[in-house]
Amino acid sequence: MTLTLEHVVFDCDDAGRLAGFWSELLERPLDADASPEFASVGMGAGLAPALMFIQVPDKTPGKNVIHLDFKADDARASIDRAIGLGAKRIGDFDEYGAQWTTLADPEGNLFDIAAG
C-alpha cells in the first residue's frame, strides 16, 4: 500500500487572503472561487501537493509543530521577496552545517528558506 501526499492544509482566518500569499510566494496558480472560507493553490492545475486553506473558528493555539522548508538558489532574494509579500522574519540560523531563515506567513504559520 502506497501513500501519496495530496494536500497540505492550513487552518486559517481568511482562506482567500492566505492562499493569495502562498500563490504569489510559490508562483503557483490560485484556484478559482477562492473565498474567505475556502481556497486552494495548484489543485486545478493538477500540482501535487496542492495547498488548501480552510477557515476555522479556533486555530490550534501555540507553535505549529509542522512547517514547510524551502531551498532557493538565491536565498536572500527569496527571503526579501517573501517579506515583501507580507511574511515576517522570525530569525536567522546557522546550525547543523546549514544556514536558513525562519519566517511566518501573514497568519503566523512558520516556514524556512535555505540556500540551495
N, C-alpha and C. Protein backbone atom coordinates (compact mmCIF):
# COMPACT_ATOMS: atom_id res chain seq x y z
N MET A 1 0.84 -1.17 0.00
CA MET A 1 0.00 0.00 0.00
C MET A 1 0.89 1.24 0.00
N THR A 2 0.64 2.17 -0.91
CA THR A 2 1.43 3.38 -1.04
C THR A 2 0.59 4.59 -0.68
N LEU A 3 1.17 5.47 0.12
CA LEU A 3 0.52 6.74 0.42
C LEU A 3 1.09 7.82 -0.47
N THR A 4 0.24 8.73 -0.90
CA THR A 4 0.66 9.87 -1.71
C THR A 4 0.23 11.13 -1.00
N LEU A 5 1.15 12.08 -0.86
CA LEU A 5 0.81 13.36 -0.24
C LEU A 5 -0.02 14.16 -1.23
N GLU A 6 -1.28 14.37 -0.91
CA GLU A 6 -2.24 15.02 -1.80
C GLU A 6 -2.35 16.51 -1.55
N HIS A 7 -2.48 16.90 -0.27
CA HIS A 7 -2.68 18.31 0.09
C HIS A 7 -1.88 18.65 1.34
N VAL A 8 -1.50 19.90 1.43
CA VAL A 8 -1.04 20.48 2.68
C VAL A 8 -2.12 21.48 3.06
N VAL A 9 -2.70 21.32 4.25
CA VAL A 9 -3.88 22.09 4.64
C VAL A 9 -3.52 23.09 5.74
N PHE A 10 -3.94 24.33 5.54
CA PHE A 10 -3.75 25.40 6.51
C PHE A 10 -5.08 25.75 7.13
N ASP A 11 -5.19 25.65 8.45
CA ASP A 11 -6.33 26.23 9.15
C ASP A 11 -6.05 27.73 9.26
N CYS A 12 -7.03 28.56 8.96
CA CYS A 12 -6.74 29.99 8.92
C CYS A 12 -7.97 30.84 9.18
N ASP A 13 -7.75 32.14 9.28
CA ASP A 13 -8.84 33.10 9.48
C ASP A 13 -9.45 33.53 8.16
N ASP A 14 -8.62 33.79 7.14
CA ASP A 14 -9.10 34.25 5.84
C ASP A 14 -8.42 33.42 4.76
N ALA A 15 -9.12 32.38 4.31
CA ALA A 15 -8.54 31.42 3.37
C ALA A 15 -8.09 32.08 2.06
N GLY A 16 -8.91 32.93 1.50
CA GLY A 16 -8.56 33.56 0.22
C GLY A 16 -7.33 34.43 0.31
N ARG A 17 -7.22 35.20 1.37
CA ARG A 17 -6.07 36.10 1.54
C ARG A 17 -4.79 35.29 1.76
N LEU A 18 -4.85 34.28 2.61
CA LEU A 18 -3.66 33.49 2.88
C LEU A 18 -3.26 32.66 1.66
N ALA A 19 -4.22 32.12 0.95
CA ALA A 19 -3.92 31.39 -0.29
C ALA A 19 -3.26 32.31 -1.31
N GLY A 20 -3.70 33.56 -1.38
CA GLY A 20 -3.08 34.52 -2.29
C GLY A 20 -1.61 34.75 -1.97
N PHE A 21 -1.28 34.83 -0.67
CA PHE A 21 0.12 34.98 -0.25
C PHE A 21 0.94 33.79 -0.76
N TRP A 22 0.48 32.56 -0.47
CA TRP A 22 1.24 31.38 -0.85
C TRP A 22 1.29 31.20 -2.36
N SER A 23 0.22 31.57 -3.05
CA SER A 23 0.21 31.51 -4.51
C SER A 23 1.31 32.40 -5.09
N GLU A 24 1.40 33.62 -4.58
CA GLU A 24 2.43 34.55 -5.05
C GLU A 24 3.83 34.07 -4.67
N LEU A 25 4.01 33.64 -3.42
CA LEU A 25 5.32 33.21 -2.96
C LEU A 25 5.85 32.03 -3.76
N LEU A 26 5.00 31.04 -4.01
CA LEU A 26 5.43 29.83 -4.71
C LEU A 26 5.24 29.89 -6.22
N GLU A 27 4.66 31.00 -6.70
CA GLU A 27 4.38 31.16 -8.12
C GLU A 27 3.59 29.97 -8.66
N ARG A 28 2.55 29.63 -7.91
CA ARG A 28 1.60 28.58 -8.29
C ARG A 28 0.23 29.22 -8.42
N PRO A 29 -0.61 28.70 -9.31
CA PRO A 29 -1.90 29.36 -9.55
C PRO A 29 -2.85 29.25 -8.37
N LEU A 30 -3.49 30.38 -8.06
CA LEU A 30 -4.59 30.41 -7.10
C LEU A 30 -5.81 29.87 -7.83
N ASP A 31 -6.44 28.86 -7.28
CA ASP A 31 -7.58 28.25 -7.94
C ASP A 31 -8.80 29.17 -7.89
N ALA A 32 -9.67 29.00 -8.86
CA ALA A 32 -10.88 29.82 -8.98
C ALA A 32 -11.76 29.65 -7.75
N ASP A 33 -12.59 30.64 -7.52
CA ASP A 33 -13.59 30.62 -6.45
C ASP A 33 -13.00 30.69 -5.05
N ALA A 34 -11.82 31.28 -4.91
CA ALA A 34 -11.24 31.48 -3.57
C ALA A 34 -12.16 32.41 -2.78
N SER A 35 -12.36 32.07 -1.52
CA SER A 35 -13.22 32.88 -0.66
C SER A 35 -12.59 32.94 0.73
N PRO A 36 -13.14 33.74 1.62
CA PRO A 36 -12.61 33.75 2.98
C PRO A 36 -12.76 32.40 3.69
N GLU A 37 -13.69 31.57 3.23
CA GLU A 37 -13.95 30.28 3.87
C GLU A 37 -13.08 29.15 3.34
N PHE A 38 -12.79 29.16 2.02
CA PHE A 38 -12.01 28.08 1.41
C PHE A 38 -11.28 28.59 0.18
N ALA A 39 -10.04 28.14 0.04
CA ALA A 39 -9.26 28.45 -1.16
C ALA A 39 -8.23 27.36 -1.34
N SER A 40 -7.75 27.23 -2.56
CA SER A 40 -6.69 26.26 -2.83
C SER A 40 -5.72 26.82 -3.85
N VAL A 41 -4.53 26.25 -3.83
CA VAL A 41 -3.45 26.66 -4.73
C VAL A 41 -2.92 25.41 -5.41
N GLY A 42 -2.95 25.42 -6.75
CA GLY A 42 -2.37 24.33 -7.53
C GLY A 42 -3.26 23.15 -7.79
N MET A 43 -4.40 23.06 -7.13
CA MET A 43 -5.27 21.90 -7.29
C MET A 43 -5.82 21.83 -8.71
N GLY A 44 -6.32 22.96 -9.21
CA GLY A 44 -6.90 22.99 -10.55
C GLY A 44 -5.88 22.69 -11.64
N ALA A 45 -4.61 22.99 -11.38
CA ALA A 45 -3.55 22.72 -12.35
C ALA A 45 -2.97 21.32 -12.20
N GLY A 46 -3.49 20.56 -11.23
CA GLY A 46 -3.01 19.20 -11.02
C GLY A 46 -1.65 19.10 -10.36
N LEU A 47 -1.24 20.16 -9.67
CA LEU A 47 0.05 20.15 -8.99
C LEU A 47 -0.07 19.41 -7.66
N ALA A 48 0.97 18.70 -7.31
CA ALA A 48 0.95 17.97 -6.04
C ALA A 48 2.22 18.26 -5.26
N PRO A 49 2.11 18.43 -3.98
CA PRO A 49 0.85 18.51 -3.27
C PRO A 49 0.21 19.87 -3.48
N ALA A 50 -1.10 19.88 -3.54
CA ALA A 50 -1.84 21.14 -3.61
C ALA A 50 -1.94 21.72 -2.20
N LEU A 51 -2.07 23.02 -2.10
CA LEU A 51 -2.26 23.67 -0.81
C LEU A 51 -3.74 24.01 -0.66
N MET A 52 -4.29 23.68 0.50
CA MET A 52 -5.69 24.00 0.79
C MET A 52 -5.73 24.88 2.02
N PHE A 53 -6.65 25.84 2.01
CA PHE A 53 -6.81 26.80 3.10
C PHE A 53 -8.27 26.77 3.54
N ILE A 54 -8.48 26.50 4.82
CA ILE A 54 -9.84 26.35 5.34
C ILE A 54 -10.01 27.25 6.55
N GLN A 55 -11.04 28.10 6.49
CA GLN A 55 -11.33 28.97 7.62
C GLN A 55 -11.86 28.13 8.78
N VAL A 56 -11.26 28.32 9.94
CA VAL A 56 -11.71 27.60 11.14
C VAL A 56 -11.95 28.61 12.25
N PRO A 57 -12.90 28.33 13.13
CA PRO A 57 -13.21 29.30 14.20
C PRO A 57 -12.09 29.41 15.23
N ASP A 58 -11.40 28.32 15.52
CA ASP A 58 -10.35 28.34 16.54
C ASP A 58 -9.14 27.59 16.02
N LYS A 59 -8.12 28.35 15.61
CA LYS A 59 -6.87 27.71 15.20
C LYS A 59 -6.21 27.09 16.43
N THR A 60 -5.43 26.05 16.21
CA THR A 60 -4.72 25.41 17.30
C THR A 60 -3.79 26.43 17.96
N PRO A 61 -3.90 26.62 19.26
CA PRO A 61 -3.05 27.61 19.92
C PRO A 61 -1.60 27.14 20.03
N GLY A 62 -0.69 28.09 20.14
CA GLY A 62 0.72 27.76 20.33
C GLY A 62 1.46 27.59 19.02
N LYS A 63 2.67 27.14 19.12
CA LYS A 63 3.56 26.97 17.96
C LYS A 63 3.09 25.81 17.09
N ASN A 64 3.08 26.04 15.78
CA ASN A 64 2.74 24.93 14.91
C ASN A 64 3.90 23.92 14.93
N VAL A 65 3.56 22.64 14.94
CA VAL A 65 4.59 21.62 15.08
C VAL A 65 5.09 21.09 13.74
N ILE A 66 4.46 21.46 12.67
CA ILE A 66 4.91 21.11 11.33
C ILE A 66 5.07 22.41 10.55
N HIS A 67 6.17 22.52 9.83
CA HIS A 67 6.36 23.70 8.99
C HIS A 67 6.98 23.27 7.67
N LEU A 68 6.94 24.16 6.69
CA LEU A 68 7.48 23.89 5.37
C LEU A 68 8.91 24.41 5.28
N ASP A 69 9.80 23.62 4.66
CA ASP A 69 11.17 24.03 4.39
C ASP A 69 11.35 24.17 2.89
N PHE A 70 11.94 25.29 2.48
CA PHE A 70 12.22 25.53 1.07
C PHE A 70 13.71 25.77 0.89
N LYS A 71 14.22 25.45 -0.29
CA LYS A 71 15.58 25.83 -0.63
C LYS A 71 15.50 26.70 -1.87
N ALA A 72 16.45 27.62 -1.97
CA ALA A 72 16.43 28.58 -3.08
C ALA A 72 17.84 28.80 -3.58
N ASP A 73 17.98 28.98 -4.89
CA ASP A 73 19.28 29.29 -5.47
C ASP A 73 19.80 30.61 -4.91
N ASP A 74 18.91 31.57 -4.75
CA ASP A 74 19.26 32.87 -4.17
C ASP A 74 18.38 33.08 -2.94
N ALA A 75 18.83 32.55 -1.81
CA ALA A 75 18.02 32.58 -0.59
C ALA A 75 17.71 34.01 -0.17
N ARG A 76 18.68 34.90 -0.23
CA ARG A 76 18.46 36.28 0.20
C ARG A 76 17.34 36.93 -0.61
N ALA A 77 17.37 36.75 -1.92
CA ALA A 77 16.32 37.33 -2.78
C ALA A 77 14.96 36.71 -2.46
N SER A 78 14.94 35.40 -2.22
CA SER A 78 13.68 34.73 -1.90
C SER A 78 13.13 35.19 -0.55
N ILE A 79 14.01 35.39 0.41
CA ILE A 79 13.59 35.87 1.73
C ILE A 79 13.04 37.29 1.61
N ASP A 80 13.76 38.14 0.89
CA ASP A 80 13.29 39.53 0.69
C ASP A 80 11.95 39.55 -0.02
N ARG A 81 11.77 38.67 -1.00
CA ARG A 81 10.51 38.60 -1.73
C ARG A 81 9.38 38.18 -0.80
N ALA A 82 9.62 37.15 0.03
CA ALA A 82 8.61 36.69 0.98
C ALA A 82 8.20 37.81 1.92
N ILE A 83 9.17 38.56 2.42
CA ILE A 83 8.88 39.69 3.32
C ILE A 83 8.08 40.76 2.58
N GLY A 84 8.43 41.00 1.33
CA GLY A 84 7.69 41.96 0.52
C GLY A 84 6.24 41.55 0.30
N LEU A 85 5.97 40.25 0.32
CA LEU A 85 4.61 39.74 0.14
C LEU A 85 3.82 39.71 1.45
N GLY A 86 4.50 39.98 2.57
CA GLY A 86 3.80 40.03 3.84
C GLY A 86 4.31 39.09 4.91
N ALA A 87 5.38 38.34 4.63
CA ALA A 87 5.95 37.45 5.64
C ALA A 87 6.72 38.27 6.67
N LYS A 88 6.92 37.70 7.84
CA LYS A 88 7.68 38.33 8.91
C LYS A 88 8.91 37.47 9.20
N ARG A 89 10.09 38.10 9.27
CA ARG A 89 11.31 37.37 9.60
C ARG A 89 11.28 37.03 11.09
N ILE A 90 11.44 35.75 11.40
CA ILE A 90 11.48 35.29 12.78
C ILE A 90 12.91 35.18 13.27
N GLY A 91 13.80 34.65 12.44
CA GLY A 91 15.20 34.53 12.85
C GLY A 91 16.05 33.90 11.78
N ASP A 92 17.36 34.11 11.91
CA ASP A 92 18.35 33.53 11.02
C ASP A 92 19.14 32.50 11.82
N PHE A 93 19.41 31.35 11.19
CA PHE A 93 20.04 30.26 11.90
C PHE A 93 21.22 29.69 11.11
N ASP A 94 22.23 29.25 11.82
CA ASP A 94 23.41 28.61 11.25
C ASP A 94 23.74 27.44 12.17
N GLU A 95 23.12 26.31 11.90
CA GLU A 95 23.26 25.13 12.76
C GLU A 95 23.30 23.87 11.92
N TYR A 96 23.88 22.83 12.48
CA TYR A 96 23.88 21.50 11.84
C TYR A 96 24.47 21.53 10.44
N GLY A 97 25.39 22.47 10.19
CA GLY A 97 26.02 22.58 8.87
C GLY A 97 25.14 23.23 7.83
N ALA A 98 24.09 23.90 8.24
CA ALA A 98 23.18 24.55 7.30
C ALA A 98 22.83 25.95 7.79
N GLN A 99 22.46 26.80 6.85
CA GLN A 99 22.01 28.16 7.16
C GLN A 99 20.61 28.33 6.58
N TRP A 100 19.72 28.92 7.39
CA TRP A 100 18.37 29.17 6.92
C TRP A 100 17.76 30.33 7.69
N THR A 101 16.68 30.83 7.14
CA THR A 101 15.89 31.88 7.78
C THR A 101 14.50 31.33 8.03
N THR A 102 14.01 31.53 9.24
CA THR A 102 12.63 31.16 9.57
C THR A 102 11.77 32.41 9.44
N LEU A 103 10.64 32.24 8.74
CA LEU A 103 9.69 33.32 8.52
C LEU A 103 8.31 32.85 8.95
N ALA A 104 7.40 33.79 9.07
CA ALA A 104 5.99 33.48 9.33
C ALA A 104 5.15 34.12 8.24
N ASP A 105 4.18 33.37 7.74
CA ASP A 105 3.27 33.94 6.74
C ASP A 105 2.35 34.95 7.43
N PRO A 106 1.46 35.63 6.69
CA PRO A 106 0.63 36.67 7.30
C PRO A 106 -0.26 36.21 8.46
N GLU A 107 -0.48 34.90 8.62
CA GLU A 107 -1.27 34.43 9.75
C GLU A 107 -0.42 33.70 10.79
N GLY A 108 0.91 33.80 10.66
CA GLY A 108 1.81 33.26 11.67
C GLY A 108 2.30 31.85 11.47
N ASN A 109 1.97 31.21 10.34
CA ASN A 109 2.47 29.87 10.06
C ASN A 109 3.95 29.95 9.68
N LEU A 110 4.77 29.16 10.34
CA LEU A 110 6.20 29.22 10.12
C LEU A 110 6.64 28.45 8.88
N PHE A 111 7.70 28.97 8.22
CA PHE A 111 8.35 28.26 7.13
C PHE A 111 9.79 28.73 7.07
N ASP A 112 10.66 27.89 6.48
CA ASP A 112 12.09 28.19 6.40
C ASP A 112 12.51 28.31 4.94
N ILE A 113 13.47 29.19 4.70
CA ILE A 113 14.12 29.28 3.39
C ILE A 113 15.61 29.16 3.61
N ALA A 114 16.22 28.20 2.90
CA ALA A 114 17.66 27.95 3.00
C ALA A 114 18.28 28.08 1.61
N ALA A 115 19.57 28.31 1.59
CA ALA A 115 20.30 28.35 0.33
C ALA A 115 20.34 26.95 -0.27
N GLY A 116 20.11 26.87 -1.58
CA GLY A 116 20.10 25.57 -2.26
C GLY A 116 21.38 25.36 -2.88
